[in-house]
């Protein structure tokens, strides 16, 4: 089902932002949040850190990373105990509610609060708001899924929202990715692939490159896996494999480009005509180039067509300049995508139980609190970069952030040089004491380049290439790490 329209946020009386760092990664959302509050809405942010968007919230709930499913299931069980399930909506638009409710009944607020590392009063207040405020909208972000039980967390949260029945009017529903407003139509323009292809999980490219059967050629376009892929050391070994001919099509000399056999210069957005979809809204527009390509720089479209020509492949897809923007969007105008009023899932029902799925129901892990020795590592976005883009000019703060109590336990003061480590590797950088972190959790910002860190290893060297329990997503927020003062005599 297509996402709810973010432009309806000002109509919400309750807005829940869960696992989304909106001030850093969704700059169009905060003004809508401000409008929501000005209209009398209550904003709840669920995030382990006190982020910029949490500063704007009425309620901040700092869950332990990876406990989202427990929180959502306990809320669901409490709704049932209070007799506040949306029974009419469930009857008409939900399948599998009883199966989902059955697994939720294992949780009560007290046990869930202890597991999540929060005060039970916060959990109870969230339930009160979910019951009393309408319309209510959920903005769910990628942070929820970036641990080994991320699939369970997503299932539990979305199912919780379904049984609460907050749909059908402006200011309600679930705001997730808005890309389906255009991608479904764009994909229809692409030629059908008839020859078999081998799909490789992007989180396992390092494994593939270091395997006994690596590819002969690796072509990298618009990516910097030397610092953005998990298990960084394995990825670097793969990029250094002399048996793999590596081509990188790139605008700047990234860490990845330094491993290439051939670097092809790429255009910036100022040098090509394009069609651009918004990140976080239903806007789609044509982009006109400001200047001709500089030197030998070429765009993705040009390069793809020229490669096809030389390989004897006929392309029937239209050129960028031939695409009619109005024909590839399925949103005619704002406010026409209210879920369960204008748009529906398949069969017009939300399925909360899928027996054929690899994960039929949420199955949350417990015991997520770190031990006194270890901290749970977050690798969060900042407003300075898009993944690793622009870090060559203005990198995020080069430090590991910890709560002062965790620093005190380790005999650390602000600015100390430390080693952050686990069995996969280590990162050498300063420590920053930050009251906005919750105890038991630390953070190294994503987007750093190898040159920014003393030993050339960024946070992803600490993160395994294991995947979560649904969909094979990366577990960027799963690592447990030690933080120790660096021995300057070594």
Protein backbone atom coordinates (compact mmCIF):
# COMPACT_ATOMS: atom_id res chain seq x y z
CA UNK A 1 0.00 0.00 0.00
CA UNK A 2 1.24 3.48 -0.83
CA UNK A 3 2.47 5.71 1.97
CA UNK A 4 0.29 8.32 3.60
CA UNK A 5 0.89 11.85 2.34
CA UNK A 6 3.30 13.83 4.53
CA UNK A 7 1.38 17.00 3.67
CA UNK A 8 -1.45 15.71 5.85
CA UNK A 9 0.76 15.75 8.98
CA UNK A 10 -0.59 19.17 10.09
CA UNK A 11 -4.06 17.56 10.40
CA UNK A 12 -2.84 14.96 12.92
CA UNK A 13 -3.69 15.31 16.60
CA UNK A 14 -1.05 12.69 17.39
CA UNK A 15 2.14 12.28 15.37
CA UNK A 16 4.48 9.40 16.28
CA UNK A 17 7.98 9.56 14.75
CA UNK A 18 9.59 6.18 15.30
CA UNK A 19 13.22 5.44 14.39
CA UNK A 20 13.47 8.41 12.01
CA UNK A 21 16.13 11.10 12.41
CA UNK A 22 14.09 13.67 10.51
CA UNK A 23 16.10 16.83 11.15
CA UNK A 24 19.16 15.12 9.65
CA UNK A 25 17.69 12.94 6.92
CA UNK A 26 14.24 14.34 5.99
CA UNK A 27 14.56 18.12 5.99
CA UNK A 28 11.06 18.72 4.57
CA UNK A 29 9.39 17.02 7.55
CA UNK A 30 10.25 19.33 10.51
CA UNK A 31 8.21 22.30 9.18
CA UNK A 32 5.19 19.98 8.93
CA UNK A 33 5.86 18.81 12.49
CA UNK A 34 5.87 22.45 13.60
CA UNK A 35 2.49 22.97 11.88
CA UNK A 36 1.10 19.89 13.60
CA UNK A 37 2.11 21.25 17.01
CA UNK A 38 0.78 24.72 16.19
CA UNK A 39 -2.57 23.10 15.36
CA UNK A 40 -2.71 21.45 18.77
CA UNK A 41 -1.18 18.10 17.85
CA UNK A 42 0.99 16.05 20.20
CA UNK A 43 4.32 14.77 18.87
CA UNK A 44 5.97 11.62 20.21
CA UNK A 45 9.50 10.62 19.16
CA UNK A 46 10.72 7.08 19.81
CA UNK A 47 14.51 6.92 19.45
CA UNK A 48 17.43 5.81 21.67
CA UNK A 49 19.02 9.26 21.27
CA UNK A 50 17.64 12.70 21.93
CA UNK A 51 17.80 13.80 18.29
CA UNK A 52 16.97 17.18 16.82
CA UNK A 53 13.44 16.06 16.05
CA UNK A 54 13.11 14.74 19.64
CA UNK A 55 13.82 18.30 20.82
CA UNK A 56 10.59 19.36 19.08
CA UNK A 57 8.56 16.54 20.58
CA UNK A 58 6.15 16.65 23.50
CA UNK A 59 7.22 13.15 24.51
CA UNK A 60 10.56 11.41 23.90
CA UNK A 61 10.78 7.66 24.51
CA UNK A 62 14.43 6.47 24.51
CA UNK A 63 14.05 2.75 23.86
CA UNK A 64 17.05 0.47 23.98
CA UNK A 65 18.03 -0.34 20.37
CA UNK A 66 16.25 -3.47 19.14
CA UNK A 67 13.40 -3.45 21.68
CA UNK A 68 10.85 -1.81 19.37
CA UNK A 69 8.86 -5.02 18.83
CA UNK A 70 8.48 -5.58 22.57
CA UNK A 71 7.23 -2.01 23.01
CA UNK A 72 4.67 -2.32 20.19
CA UNK A 73 3.42 -5.72 21.34
CA UNK A 74 2.98 -4.55 24.93
CA UNK A 75 1.04 -1.52 23.69
CA UNK A 76 -1.19 -3.81 21.62
CA UNK A 77 -1.85 -6.09 24.59
CA UNK A 78 -2.72 -3.09 26.75
CA UNK A 79 -5.15 -1.78 24.11
CA UNK A 80 -6.92 -5.14 24.23
CA UNK A 81 -6.99 -5.19 28.05
CA UNK A 82 -8.57 -1.73 28.06
CA UNK A 83 -11.11 -2.70 25.40
CA UNK A 84 -9.70 -0.06 23.03
CA UNK A 85 -9.00 -2.11 19.90
CA UNK A 86 -10.57 -0.73 16.70
CA UNK A 87 -12.90 -3.70 16.32
CA UNK A 88 -14.95 -2.28 13.45
CA UNK A 89 -11.83 -1.47 11.42
CA UNK A 90 -10.30 -4.86 12.27
CA UNK A 91 -13.44 -6.67 11.13
CA UNK A 92 -13.50 -4.86 7.78
CA UNK A 93 -9.84 -4.35 6.95
CA UNK A 94 -7.57 -6.69 8.96
CA UNK A 95 -6.66 -10.36 8.57
CA UNK A 96 -4.71 -12.29 11.19
CA UNK A 97 -5.55 -10.00 14.10
CA UNK A 98 -6.22 -12.89 16.50
CA UNK A 99 -2.90 -14.56 15.72
CA UNK A 100 -1.07 -11.27 16.29
CA UNK A 101 -2.98 -10.53 19.49
CA UNK A 102 -2.16 -13.99 20.82
CA UNK A 103 1.60 -13.37 20.72
CA UNK A 104 1.14 -9.87 22.17
CA UNK A 105 -0.67 -11.19 25.25
CA UNK A 106 2.67 -12.48 26.53
CA UNK A 107 3.63 -8.88 27.37
CA UNK A 108 2.47 -6.42 29.99
CA UNK A 109 3.59 -2.83 30.48
CA UNK A 110 5.88 -3.50 33.45
CA UNK A 111 7.81 -6.33 31.80
CA UNK A 112 8.06 -4.43 28.52
CA UNK A 113 9.31 -1.27 30.20
CA UNK A 114 12.07 -3.24 31.92
CA UNK A 115 13.05 -4.91 28.64
CA UNK A 116 13.03 -1.58 26.78
CA UNK A 117 15.00 0.22 29.48
CA UNK A 118 12.38 2.93 30.07
CA UNK A 119 10.07 4.07 32.85
CA UNK A 120 6.72 2.26 32.70
CA UNK A 121 4.99 5.65 32.98
CA UNK A 122 6.31 6.55 29.52
CA UNK A 123 4.85 3.39 28.03
CA UNK A 124 1.50 3.98 29.73
CA UNK A 125 1.43 7.58 28.53
CA UNK A 126 1.96 6.42 24.96
CA UNK A 127 -1.01 4.06 25.27
CA UNK A 128 -3.14 6.89 26.68
CA UNK A 129 -2.27 9.10 23.71
CA UNK A 130 -2.95 6.35 21.18
CA UNK A 131 -6.38 5.82 22.72
CA UNK A 132 -7.40 9.46 23.16
CA UNK A 133 -5.96 11.34 20.16
CA UNK A 134 -7.36 11.17 16.65
CA UNK A 135 -6.52 11.43 13.87
CA UNK A 136 -3.11 9.90 14.50
CA UNK A 137 -0.23 9.37 12.09
CA UNK A 138 2.88 7.21 12.32
CA UNK A 139 6.15 8.20 10.63
CA UNK A 140 8.30 5.08 10.68
CA UNK A 141 11.97 5.25 9.76
CA UNK A 142 14.80 2.94 8.79
CA UNK A 143 16.32 2.89 12.27
CA UNK A 144 13.72 0.36 13.42
CA UNK A 145 14.91 -2.39 11.09
CA UNK A 146 18.69 -2.08 11.52
CA UNK A 147 19.19 -4.91 14.00
CA UNK A 148 18.83 -8.67 13.88
CA UNK A 149 15.14 -8.56 14.83
CA UNK A 150 14.36 -5.53 12.70
CA UNK A 151 11.77 -7.45 10.69
CA UNK A 152 9.92 -8.39 13.86
CA UNK A 153 10.04 -4.77 14.97
CA UNK A 154 8.54 -3.51 11.71
CA UNK A 155 5.82 -6.17 11.75
CA UNK A 156 4.92 -5.44 15.36
CA UNK A 157 4.76 -1.67 14.91
CA UNK A 158 2.72 -1.78 11.70
CA UNK A 159 0.38 -4.39 13.18
CA UNK A 160 -0.05 -2.31 16.36
CA UNK A 161 -1.11 0.62 14.19
CA UNK A 162 -3.54 -1.57 12.26
CA UNK A 163 -5.40 -2.81 15.34
CA UNK A 164 -5.53 0.74 16.71
CA UNK A 165 -7.44 1.70 13.55
CA UNK A 166 -5.86 5.08 12.88
CA UNK A 167 -6.70 5.26 9.17
CA UNK A 168 -9.30 6.64 6.78
CA UNK A 169 -9.11 10.41 7.34
CA UNK A 170 -6.60 13.17 6.68
CA UNK A 171 -3.90 13.21 9.31
CA UNK A 172 -3.99 9.44 9.82
CA UNK A 173 -2.15 6.38 8.52
CA UNK A 174 1.47 5.35 8.15
CA UNK A 175 4.06 7.56 6.50
CA UNK A 176 6.85 5.37 5.16
CA UNK A 177 8.69 5.46 1.84
CA UNK A 178 6.97 7.65 -0.76
CA UNK A 179 8.92 6.17 -3.68
CA UNK A 180 6.06 3.96 -4.87
CA UNK A 181 4.31 7.08 -6.09
CA UNK A 182 6.67 6.97 -9.10
CA UNK A 183 8.69 3.75 -9.17
CA UNK A 184 5.80 1.50 -10.14
CA UNK A 185 5.27 3.49 -13.32
CA UNK A 186 8.98 3.89 -14.06
CA UNK A 187 9.53 0.15 -13.76
CA UNK A 188 6.82 -0.39 -16.37
CA UNK A 189 9.03 1.46 -18.86
CA UNK A 190 11.96 -0.91 -18.33
CA UNK A 191 12.52 -3.88 -20.65
CA UNK A 192 11.77 -7.34 -19.33
CA UNK A 193 14.89 -9.30 -18.42
CA UNK A 194 14.55 -12.77 -19.94
CA UNK A 195 18.02 -14.19 -19.28
CA UNK A 196 18.71 -15.49 -15.75
CA UNK A 197 20.48 -13.20 -13.33
CA UNK A 198 22.12 -14.00 -10.01
CA UNK A 199 20.92 -11.73 -7.23
CA UNK A 200 23.48 -10.85 -4.55
CA UNK A 201 22.40 -9.28 -1.27
CA UNK A 202 24.21 -5.94 -1.19
CA UNK A 203 25.27 -6.68 2.38
CA UNK A 204 27.20 -9.72 1.14
CA UNK A 205 29.19 -8.18 -1.71
CA UNK A 206 32.33 -8.35 0.41
CA UNK A 207 31.77 -12.09 0.90
CA UNK A 208 31.33 -12.52 -2.85
CA UNK A 209 34.46 -10.59 -3.74
CA UNK A 210 36.56 -12.66 -1.32
CA UNK A 211 34.99 -16.02 -2.22
CA UNK A 212 36.46 -18.78 -4.39
CA UNK A 213 34.19 -17.64 -7.25
CA UNK A 214 34.37 -13.83 -7.35
CA UNK A 215 33.07 -11.88 -10.35
CA UNK A 216 35.43 -11.10 -13.20
CA UNK A 217 34.26 -7.49 -13.35
CA UNK A 218 32.89 -5.22 -10.63
CA UNK A 219 31.12 -2.04 -11.78
CA UNK A 220 30.36 0.53 -9.06
CA UNK A 221 28.17 3.54 -9.75
CA UNK A 222 26.92 6.04 -7.18
CA UNK A 223 28.25 4.09 -4.19
CA UNK A 224 31.23 4.16 -1.84
CA UNK A 225 31.25 0.67 -0.29
CA UNK A 226 34.80 1.02 1.02
CA UNK A 227 33.28 3.01 3.91
CA UNK A 228 29.52 2.40 3.69
CA UNK A 229 29.39 -1.41 3.51
CA UNK A 230 29.22 -3.43 6.71
CA UNK A 231 32.20 -5.60 7.67
CA UNK A 232 34.51 -2.96 6.23
CA UNK A 233 37.68 -5.03 6.43
CA UNK A 234 36.17 -7.84 4.36
CA UNK A 235 34.93 -5.31 1.80
CA UNK A 236 38.38 -3.73 1.52
CA UNK A 237 39.94 -7.16 0.97
CA UNK A 238 37.39 -7.76 -1.77
CA UNK A 239 38.04 -4.42 -3.46
CA UNK A 240 41.76 -5.23 -3.39
CA UNK A 241 41.24 -8.61 -5.12
CA UNK A 242 43.57 -8.47 -8.14
CA UNK A 243 41.45 -11.06 -9.95
CA UNK A 244 38.48 -8.67 -10.09
CA UNK A 245 38.60 -5.87 -12.69
CA UNK A 246 36.97 -2.93 -10.91
CA UNK A 247 35.40 0.06 -12.65
CA UNK A 248 34.10 3.02 -10.63
CA UNK A 249 31.90 5.72 -12.21
CA UNK A 250 32.21 8.61 -9.77
CA UNK A 251 32.22 12.39 -9.35
CA UNK A 252 35.08 12.55 -6.83
CA UNK A 253 38.02 10.37 -5.81
CA UNK A 254 36.31 8.40 -3.06
CA UNK A 255 37.90 5.73 -0.90
CA UNK A 256 36.31 3.16 -3.21
CA UNK A 257 37.60 4.84 -6.37
CA UNK A 258 41.15 4.45 -5.05
CA UNK A 259 40.72 0.69 -5.40
CA UNK A 260 39.53 0.88 -9.02
CA UNK A 261 41.39 -0.31 -12.09
CA UNK A 262 39.50 2.34 -14.07
CA UNK A 263 37.74 5.47 -12.82
CA UNK A 264 35.16 6.98 -15.18
CA UNK A 265 34.29 10.63 -14.42
CA UNK A 266 30.59 11.15 -13.65
CA UNK A 267 28.48 14.25 -14.02
CA UNK A 268 26.88 16.12 -11.15
CA UNK A 269 23.18 16.97 -11.10
CA UNK A 270 24.05 20.36 -12.61
CA UNK A 271 25.29 18.79 -15.86
CA UNK A 272 22.45 16.47 -16.93
CA UNK A 273 18.75 16.57 -17.69
CA UNK A 274 16.85 14.25 -15.40
CA UNK A 275 13.57 13.43 -13.71
CA UNK A 276 13.81 13.60 -9.91
CA UNK A 277 11.45 12.23 -7.31
CA UNK A 278 11.41 13.83 -3.88
CA UNK A 279 12.80 12.04 -0.84
CA UNK A 280 9.91 12.11 1.60
CA UNK A 281 7.04 13.57 -0.42
CA UNK A 282 5.03 12.96 -3.58
CA UNK A 283 6.77 15.67 -5.61
CA UNK A 284 8.19 14.70 -9.00
CA UNK A 285 9.78 17.14 -11.39
CA UNK A 286 11.98 17.51 -14.40
CA UNK A 287 15.53 18.73 -13.71
CA UNK A 288 17.22 20.81 -16.38
CA UNK A 289 20.99 20.97 -16.58
CA UNK A 290 22.67 24.27 -15.77
CA UNK A 291 25.92 23.64 -17.66
CA UNK A 292 27.25 21.17 -20.19
CA UNK A 293 29.22 18.21 -18.79
CA UNK A 294 32.71 19.23 -17.73
CA UNK A 295 35.60 17.52 -19.51
CA UNK A 296 34.97 13.81 -20.05
CA UNK A 297 32.28 13.52 -17.38
CA UNK A 298 29.23 11.54 -18.49
CA UNK A 299 25.90 10.78 -16.83
CA UNK A 300 24.45 7.42 -15.85
CA UNK A 301 21.97 7.37 -18.74
CA UNK A 302 24.64 8.15 -21.35
CA UNK A 303 27.05 5.57 -19.95
CA UNK A 304 24.42 2.85 -19.80
CA UNK A 305 23.36 3.44 -23.38
CA UNK A 306 26.92 3.51 -24.68
CA UNK A 307 27.79 0.29 -22.87
CA UNK A 308 24.67 -1.35 -24.31
CA UNK A 309 25.62 -0.22 -27.81
CA UNK A 310 29.12 -1.66 -27.52
CA UNK A 311 27.79 -4.92 -26.08
CA UNK A 312 25.25 -5.29 -28.88
CA UNK A 313 22.24 -4.86 -26.60
CA UNK A 314 19.21 -3.08 -28.03
CA UNK A 315 17.54 -0.67 -25.59
CA UNK A 316 13.90 0.24 -26.10
CA UNK A 317 13.57 2.42 -23.02
CA UNK A 318 12.83 6.12 -23.57
CA UNK A 319 15.51 8.72 -23.07
CA UNK A 320 15.22 11.07 -20.13
CA UNK A 321 14.09 13.94 -22.33
CA UNK A 322 11.30 11.77 -23.78
CA UNK A 323 9.66 10.94 -20.45
CA UNK A 324 6.39 12.70 -19.63
CA UNK A 325 6.47 13.39 -15.90
CA UNK A 326 2.67 13.35 -15.71
CA UNK A 327 2.58 9.78 -17.01
CA UNK A 328 4.89 8.24 -14.43
CA UNK A 329 3.27 9.49 -11.24
CA UNK A 330 0.23 7.80 -9.71
CA UNK A 331 -0.58 10.62 -7.32
CA UNK A 332 -2.84 13.08 -9.10
CA UNK A 333 -2.77 15.69 -6.36
CA UNK A 334 -1.99 16.05 -2.66
CA UNK A 335 -4.41 14.57 -0.13
CA UNK A 336 -5.53 11.84 -2.56
CA UNK A 337 -3.63 9.08 -0.79
CA UNK A 338 -5.46 8.65 2.50
CA UNK A 339 -4.96 5.02 3.45
CA UNK A 340 -8.11 2.91 3.62
CA UNK A 341 -10.04 5.73 2.00
CA UNK A 342 -8.26 6.34 -1.31
CA UNK A 343 -5.58 3.63 -1.34
CA UNK A 344 -5.69 0.08 -0.03
CA UNK A 345 -3.41 -2.94 0.29
CA UNK A 346 -4.05 -6.00 -1.85
CA UNK A 347 -7.47 -7.41 -1.05
CA UNK A 348 -8.28 -4.18 0.82
CA UNK A 349 -7.03 -5.82 4.02
CA UNK A 350 -3.90 -5.55 6.16
CA UNK A 351 -2.43 -9.02 6.77
CA UNK A 352 -0.94 -9.35 10.25
CA UNK A 353 -0.29 -13.09 9.97
CA UNK A 354 1.38 -14.62 6.90
CA UNK A 355 1.97 -18.36 7.45
CA UNK A 356 3.87 -18.63 4.17
CA UNK A 357 6.33 -15.88 5.15
CA UNK A 358 9.84 -16.42 6.52
CA UNK A 359 8.55 -14.48 9.54
CA UNK A 360 4.81 -15.15 9.95
CA UNK A 361 4.52 -13.10 13.17
CA UNK A 362 6.84 -10.85 15.19
CA UNK A 363 9.31 -12.84 17.27
CA UNK A 364 11.25 -10.27 19.30
CA UNK A 365 14.57 -11.03 20.92
CA UNK A 366 14.96 -10.21 24.59
CA UNK A 367 17.89 -9.30 26.79
CA UNK A 368 18.95 -6.39 24.58
CA UNK A 369 20.60 -4.35 27.33
CA UNK A 370 24.38 -4.23 26.99
CA UNK A 371 26.57 -5.50 29.81
CA UNK A 372 28.58 -3.07 31.91
CA UNK A 373 31.65 -3.72 29.73
CA UNK A 374 29.99 -3.36 26.33
CA UNK A 375 27.94 -0.61 24.71
CA UNK A 376 25.45 -0.91 21.85
CA UNK A 377 26.76 0.99 18.82
CA UNK A 378 24.57 3.28 16.69
CA UNK A 379 25.81 4.61 13.33
CA UNK A 380 23.42 7.46 12.67
CA UNK A 381 23.01 9.97 9.87
CA UNK A 382 23.92 13.62 10.33
CA UNK A 383 22.89 16.77 8.50
CA UNK A 384 26.36 17.10 6.95
CA UNK A 385 26.35 14.11 4.62
CA UNK A 386 24.15 11.83 2.55
CA UNK A 387 25.71 8.50 3.49
CA UNK A 388 29.34 9.39 2.70
CA UNK A 389 28.65 12.14 0.14
CA UNK A 390 30.12 15.57 0.94
CA UNK A 391 32.24 14.26 3.83
CA UNK A 392 35.37 15.11 1.88
CA UNK A 393 34.44 18.78 2.43
CA UNK A 394 32.58 18.84 5.74
CA UNK A 395 32.66 15.54 7.66
CA UNK A 396 30.48 14.75 10.65
CA UNK A 397 32.02 15.17 14.09
CA UNK A 398 34.92 12.71 14.25
CA UNK A 399 34.24 11.15 17.65
CA UNK A 400 32.42 8.39 19.46
CA UNK A 401 29.63 9.87 21.60
CA UNK A 402 28.85 8.31 24.98
CA UNK A 403 26.75 9.24 27.98
CA UNK A 404 28.83 10.80 30.80
CA UNK A 405 27.98 7.91 33.14
CA UNK A 406 29.43 5.40 30.68
CA UNK A 407 32.54 7.56 30.29
CA UNK A 408 32.96 7.72 34.06
CA UNK A 409 32.70 3.93 34.32
CA UNK A 410 35.61 3.69 31.88
CA UNK A 411 37.73 6.44 33.38
CA UNK A 412 37.32 8.66 30.32
CA UNK A 413 37.05 12.43 29.99
CA UNK A 414 35.90 14.44 27.01
CA UNK A 415 38.47 14.45 24.20
CA UNK A 416 40.39 11.36 25.30
CA UNK A 417 41.74 9.25 22.43
CA UNK A 418 40.01 5.87 22.59
CA UNK A 419 39.84 2.54 20.79
CA UNK A 420 36.34 1.29 19.97
CA UNK A 421 36.58 -2.43 19.26
CA UNK A 422 35.04 -5.86 18.98
CA UNK A 423 36.10 -9.13 17.33
CA UNK A 424 35.73 -7.64 13.83
CA UNK A 425 38.09 -4.70 14.24
CA UNK A 426 38.74 -1.37 15.89
CA UNK A 427 38.27 2.35 15.31
CA UNK A 428 40.66 4.93 16.81
CA UNK A 429 39.16 8.37 17.49
CA UNK A 430 38.35 10.83 20.30
CA UNK A 431 35.50 10.34 22.77
CA UNK A 432 32.76 12.96 23.18
CA UNK A 433 30.62 13.08 26.34
CA UNK A 434 27.00 13.67 25.36
CA UNK A 435 24.03 13.93 27.74
CA UNK A 436 21.73 13.28 24.76
CA UNK A 437 22.89 9.67 24.54
CA UNK A 438 21.16 7.13 26.75
CA UNK A 439 23.39 5.02 29.03
CA UNK A 440 24.45 1.74 27.47
CA UNK A 441 24.52 3.17 23.95
CA UNK A 442 27.27 4.90 21.97
CA UNK A 443 27.34 6.48 18.53
CA UNK A 444 29.83 6.95 15.70
CA UNK A 445 28.29 8.96 12.84
CA UNK A 446 28.06 7.34 9.45
CA UNK A 447 29.64 9.10 6.50
CA UNK A 448 33.24 9.34 7.70
CA UNK A 449 35.98 8.58 5.17
CA UNK A 450 39.10 6.54 5.90
CA UNK A 451 41.24 9.68 6.02
CA UNK A 452 39.20 11.03 8.95
CA UNK A 453 40.08 8.23 11.37
CA UNK A 454 43.53 7.59 12.83
CA UNK A 455 43.67 3.93 11.80
CA UNK A 456 41.66 4.32 8.58
CA UNK A 457 38.75 2.23 9.82
CA UNK A 458 35.24 3.70 10.16
CA UNK A 459 32.30 2.47 12.23
CA UNK A 460 31.32 -0.19 9.68
CA UNK A 461 34.44 -2.18 10.49
CA UNK A 462 32.67 -3.06 13.76
CA UNK A 463 29.46 -4.24 12.08
CA UNK A 464 29.03 -7.79 10.79
CA UNK A 465 27.52 -8.54 7.40
CA UNK A 466 24.76 -10.58 9.03
CA UNK A 467 21.21 -9.62 8.07
CA UNK A 468 17.94 -9.16 9.92
CA UNK A 469 15.05 -11.58 10.24
CA UNK A 470 12.95 -10.36 7.31
CA UNK A 471 14.12 -9.11 3.93
CA UNK A 472 17.86 -9.45 4.44
CA UNK A 473 18.46 -5.92 5.68
CA UNK A 474 21.70 -4.69 7.20
CA UNK A 475 22.16 -4.70 10.99
CA UNK A 476 23.94 -1.37 11.38
CA UNK A 477 22.69 -0.90 14.96
CA UNK A 478 23.49 -4.40 16.23
CA UNK A 479 27.17 -4.24 17.20
CA UNK A 480 28.35 -4.43 20.79
CA UNK A 481 31.66 -2.67 21.38
CA UNK A 482 34.31 -2.05 24.01
CA UNK A 483 35.61 1.49 24.52
CA UNK A 484 39.04 1.83 26.10
CA UNK A 485 41.53 4.65 26.41
CA UNK A 486 44.13 4.45 23.67
CA UNK A 487 47.64 3.47 24.77
CA UNK A 488 49.71 6.31 23.33
CA UNK A 489 52.91 4.36 23.97
CA UNK A 490 52.01 1.61 21.50
